[in-house]
Each structure stands twice: as C-alpha cells, then as structure tokens.
Amino acid sequence: MSDTLPLLKGTLELLIMKALSVESTHGYGLSVWMERGSRGAIVVDDSAIYQALRRLEGKRLVEAEWGLTENNRRARFYRLTTFGEQQLDAEARTWSRYVESVGALLASGSGGEG
C-alpha cells in the first residue's frame, strides 16, 4: 500500500494558490513545497502542476514572469494575483466547511436522522 494520498478534484489548484500566497516560485518549487509540507504524503507529477498553473493563469488567478532559479536556470516564476488572493480565501473557507462536515459525518454513530 502506498503512503501517498490521491488529490481530490480541485485540490491541486487550491494548494498551488496557497503556496503562491506565501511566495512566488516556479513549478518545481511548488512540487517540493507540497511534498515537504505533507511529509511525503502528497506527491504531484510535474506535468499536472504545469497544467494547473496554465488553468490558473487562464482564470487570471496567477501571473508569471521569467527569472533565475537558485541553480541559475531560467524558469517561470508564478505569483498570486489580487483576484487569486480573493479566490483562495473563498475556496479555503469552502474547503474548511467541507472537511468539518465530512469529519462530523465520519464521527457520527448513527446512519442519519431517524
């Protein structure tokens, strides 16, 4: 059995926006942030990260510019836009409600109202 967790639909974009709310970074930096922050439980393929970044750019939630990495390599550095910050706040609130609701259902001893 694998120690990694599958991402639920929409979670990757939320995590990318969260990472970019802390600091601008490139795609590989996002991958490292997720893997380290989750203690290895969340590992995302680089191509999935870049696809999500393109979607976020298309929605004007992130923007990018070319820069140099720590290793002097050219890379696109992404940052959250003001609109992206607002979207992150809204999605984070929804996610918290979702987690709380699912947790309450899993902890309940009954099968519902009755």
C-alpha atoms as a PDB file:
ATOM      1  CA  MET A   1       0.000   0.000   0.000  1.00  0.00           C
ATOM      2  CA  SER A   2       1.350   3.428  -0.973  1.00  0.00           C
ATOM      3  CA  ASP A   3       1.962   6.135   1.604  1.00  0.00           C
ATOM      4  CA  THR A   4       0.983   8.855  -0.873  1.00  0.00           C
ATOM      5  CA  LEU A   5      -2.542  10.245  -0.998  1.00  0.00           C
ATOM      6  CA  PRO A   6      -4.544  10.921  -4.149  1.00  0.00           C
ATOM      7  CA  LEU A   7      -5.650  14.522  -4.606  1.00  0.00           C
ATOM      8  CA  LEU A   8      -9.365  15.226  -4.721  1.00  0.00           C
ATOM      9  CA  LYS A   9     -10.631  17.151  -7.743  1.00  0.00           C
ATOM     10  CA  GLY A  10      -9.837  20.864  -7.406  1.00  0.00           C
ATOM     11  CA  THR A  11      -7.367  20.368  -4.566  1.00  0.00           C
ATOM     12  CA  LEU A  12      -4.235  20.879  -6.655  1.00  0.00           C
ATOM     13  CA  GLU A  13      -5.218  24.383  -7.735  1.00  0.00           C
ATOM     14  CA  LEU A  14      -6.099  25.279  -4.146  1.00  0.00           C
ATOM     15  CA  LEU A  15      -2.713  24.047  -2.909  1.00  0.00           C
ATOM     16  CA  ILE A  16      -0.876  25.925  -5.666  1.00  0.00           C
ATOM     17  CA  MET A  17      -2.669  29.155  -4.772  1.00  0.00           C
ATOM     18  CA  LYS A  18      -1.841  28.622  -1.093  1.00  0.00           C
ATOM     19  CA  ALA A  19       1.842  28.083  -1.870  1.00  0.00           C
ATOM     20  CA  LEU A  20       1.935  31.195  -4.060  1.00  0.00           C
ATOM     21  CA  SER A  21       0.270  33.241  -1.316  1.00  0.00           C
ATOM     22  CA  VAL A  22       3.426  32.639   0.728  1.00  0.00           C
ATOM     23  CA  GLU A  23       5.974  33.367  -2.010  1.00  0.00           C
ATOM     24  CA  SER A  24       6.453  33.400  -5.770  1.00  0.00           C
ATOM     25  CA  THR A  25       8.043  30.245  -7.114  1.00  0.00           C
ATOM     26  CA  HIS A  26       8.419  28.027 -10.147  1.00  0.00           C
ATOM     27  CA  GLY A  27       6.682  24.709 -10.880  1.00  0.00           C
ATOM     28  CA  TYR A  28       9.390  22.569  -9.344  1.00  0.00           C
ATOM     29  CA  GLY A  29       9.313  24.740  -6.210  1.00  0.00           C
ATOM     30  CA  LEU A  30       5.586  24.038  -5.916  1.00  0.00           C
ATOM     31  CA  SER A  31       6.230  20.308  -6.164  1.00  0.00           C
ATOM     32  CA  VAL A  32       8.856  20.471  -3.412  1.00  0.00           C
ATOM     33  CA  TRP A  33       6.573  22.635  -1.217  1.00  0.00           C
ATOM     34  CA  MET A  34       3.750  20.083  -1.442  1.00  0.00           C
ATOM     35  CA  GLU A  35       5.930  17.051  -0.848  1.00  0.00           C
ATOM     36  CA  ARG A  36       7.788  18.585   2.103  1.00  0.00           C
ATOM     37  CA  GLY A  37       4.708  20.202   3.619  1.00  0.00           C
ATOM     38  CA  SER A  38       2.788  16.920   3.509  1.00  0.00           C
ATOM     39  CA  ARG A  39       5.779  14.885   4.738  1.00  0.00           C
ATOM     40  CA  GLY A  40       5.750  12.905   1.507  1.00  0.00           C
ATOM     41  CA  ALA A  41       2.035  12.096   1.538  1.00  0.00           C
ATOM     42  CA  ILE A  42       1.279  14.360  -1.425  1.00  0.00           C
ATOM     43  CA  VAL A  43       3.466  13.897  -4.482  1.00  0.00           C
ATOM     44  CA  VAL A  44       2.289  15.525  -7.698  1.00  0.00           C
ATOM     45  CA  ASP A  45       3.578  14.887 -11.194  1.00  0.00           C
ATOM     46  CA  ASP A  46       5.280  17.973 -12.666  1.00  0.00           C
ATOM     47  CA  SER A  47       3.055  17.900 -15.744  1.00  0.00           C
ATOM     48  CA  ALA A  48      -0.060  18.099 -13.544  1.00  0.00           C
ATOM     49  CA  ILE A  49       1.377  21.140 -11.763  1.00  0.00           C
ATOM     50  CA  TYR A  50       2.108  22.935 -15.044  1.00  0.00           C
ATOM     51  CA  GLN A  51      -1.353  22.104 -16.407  1.00  0.00           C
ATOM     52  CA  ALA A  52      -2.918  23.529 -13.245  1.00  0.00           C
ATOM     53  CA  LEU A  53      -0.723  26.647 -13.486  1.00  0.00           C
ATOM     54  CA  ARG A  54      -1.923  27.202 -17.074  1.00  0.00           C
ATOM     55  CA  ARG A  55      -5.547  26.877 -15.936  1.00  0.00           C
ATOM     56  CA  LEU A  56      -4.933  29.336 -13.097  1.00  0.00           C
ATOM     57  CA  GLU A  57      -3.243  31.761 -15.496  1.00  0.00           C
ATOM     58  CA  GLY A  58      -6.200  31.483 -17.865  1.00  0.00           C
ATOM     59  CA  LYS A  59      -8.520  32.415 -14.992  1.00  0.00           C
ATOM     60  CA  ARG A  60      -6.203  35.337 -14.088  1.00  0.00           C
ATOM     61  CA  LEU A  61      -5.608  33.907 -10.619  1.00  0.00           C
ATOM     62  CA  VAL A  62      -1.843  33.718 -11.118  1.00  0.00           C
ATOM     63  CA  GLU A  63       0.656  35.510 -13.329  1.00  0.00           C
ATOM     64  CA  ALA A  64       4.191  34.602 -14.293  1.00  0.00           C
ATOM     65  CA  GLU A  65       7.478  36.152 -15.319  1.00  0.00           C
ATOM     66  CA  TRP A  66      10.839  34.689 -16.252  1.00  0.00           C
ATOM     67  CA  GLY A  67      13.591  34.598 -13.654  1.00  0.00           C
ATOM     68  CA  LEU A  68      16.555  32.576 -12.442  1.00  0.00           C
ATOM     69  CA  THR A  69      16.375  29.682 -10.011  1.00  0.00           C
ATOM     70  CA  GLU A  70      18.839  29.061  -7.173  1.00  0.00           C
ATOM     71  CA  ASN A  71      20.822  26.979  -9.703  1.00  0.00           C
ATOM     72  CA  ASN A  72      20.973  29.830 -12.267  1.00  0.00           C
ATOM     73  CA  ARG A  73      18.419  28.175 -14.544  1.00  0.00           C
ATOM     74  CA  ARG A  74      15.745  30.156 -16.332  1.00  0.00           C
ATOM     75  CA  ALA A  75      12.255  29.381 -15.088  1.00  0.00           C
ATOM     76  CA  ARG A  76       8.834  30.961 -14.976  1.00  0.00           C
ATOM     77  CA  PHE A  77       8.081  32.265 -11.504  1.00  0.00           C
ATOM     78  CA  TYR A  78       4.406  32.391 -10.625  1.00  0.00           C
ATOM     79  CA  ARG A  79       2.677  34.695  -8.189  1.00  0.00           C
ATOM     80  CA  LEU A  80      -0.881  35.034  -6.972  1.00  0.00           C
ATOM     81  CA  THR A  81      -2.866  37.994  -8.339  1.00  0.00           C
ATOM     82  CA  THR A  82      -5.173  40.092  -6.173  1.00  0.00           C
ATOM     83  CA  PHE A  83      -8.091  38.230  -7.725  1.00  0.00           C
ATOM     84  CA  GLY A  84      -6.268  34.981  -6.910  1.00  0.00           C
ATOM     85  CA  GLU A  85      -5.938  36.014  -3.264  1.00  0.00           C
ATOM     86  CA  GLN A  86      -9.693  36.619  -3.081  1.00  0.00           C
ATOM     87  CA  GLN A  87     -10.391  33.283  -4.754  1.00  0.00           C
ATOM     88  CA  LEU A  88      -8.004  31.499  -2.384  1.00  0.00           C
ATOM     89  CA  ASP A  89      -9.809  32.964   0.638  1.00  0.00           C
ATOM     90  CA  ALA A  90     -13.200  31.853  -0.694  1.00  0.00           C
ATOM     91  CA  GLU A  91     -12.030  28.357  -1.646  1.00  0.00           C
ATOM     92  CA  ALA A  92     -10.190  27.880   1.653  1.00  0.00           C
ATOM     93  CA  ARG A  93     -13.374  28.726   3.578  1.00  0.00           C
ATOM     94  CA  THR A  94     -15.359  26.246   1.459  1.00  0.00           C
ATOM     95  CA  TRP A  95     -12.684  23.560   1.931  1.00  0.00           C
ATOM     96  CA  SER A  96     -12.723  24.071   5.718  1.00  0.00           C
ATOM     97  CA  ARG A  97     -16.519  23.689   5.787  1.00  0.00           C
ATOM     98  CA  TYR A  98     -16.250  20.550   3.663  1.00  0.00           C
ATOM     99  CA  VAL A  99     -13.617  18.961   5.907  1.00  0.00           C
ATOM    100  CA  GLU A 100     -15.604  19.833   9.034  1.00  0.00           C
ATOM    101  CA  SER A 101     -18.820  18.393   7.576  1.00  0.00           C
ATOM    102  CA  VAL A 102     -17.228  15.171   6.341  1.00  0.00           C
ATOM    103  CA  GLY A 103     -15.415  14.784   9.670  1.00  0.00           C
ATOM    104  CA  ALA A 104     -18.691  15.180  11.543  1.00  0.00           C
ATOM    105  CA  LEU A 105     -20.343  12.546   9.359  1.00  0.00           C
ATOM    106  CA  LEU A 106     -17.476  10.102   9.783  1.00  0.00           C
ATOM    107  CA  ALA A 107     -17.515  10.601  13.562  1.00  0.00           C
ATOM    108  CA  SER A 108     -21.266  10.135  13.897  1.00  0.00           C
ATOM    109  CA  GLY A 109     -22.537   6.851  15.276  1.00  0.00           C
ATOM    110  CA  SER A 110     -25.868   6.853  13.511  1.00  0.00           C
ATOM    111  CA  GLY A 111     -26.934   6.480   9.926  1.00  0.00           C
ATOM    112  CA  GLY A 112     -28.591   9.895   9.854  1.00  0.00           C
ATOM    113  CA  GLU A 113     -31.883  11.248  11.128  1.00  0.00           C
ATOM    114  CA  GLY A 114     -34.202   8.733  12.337  1.00  0.00           C
END
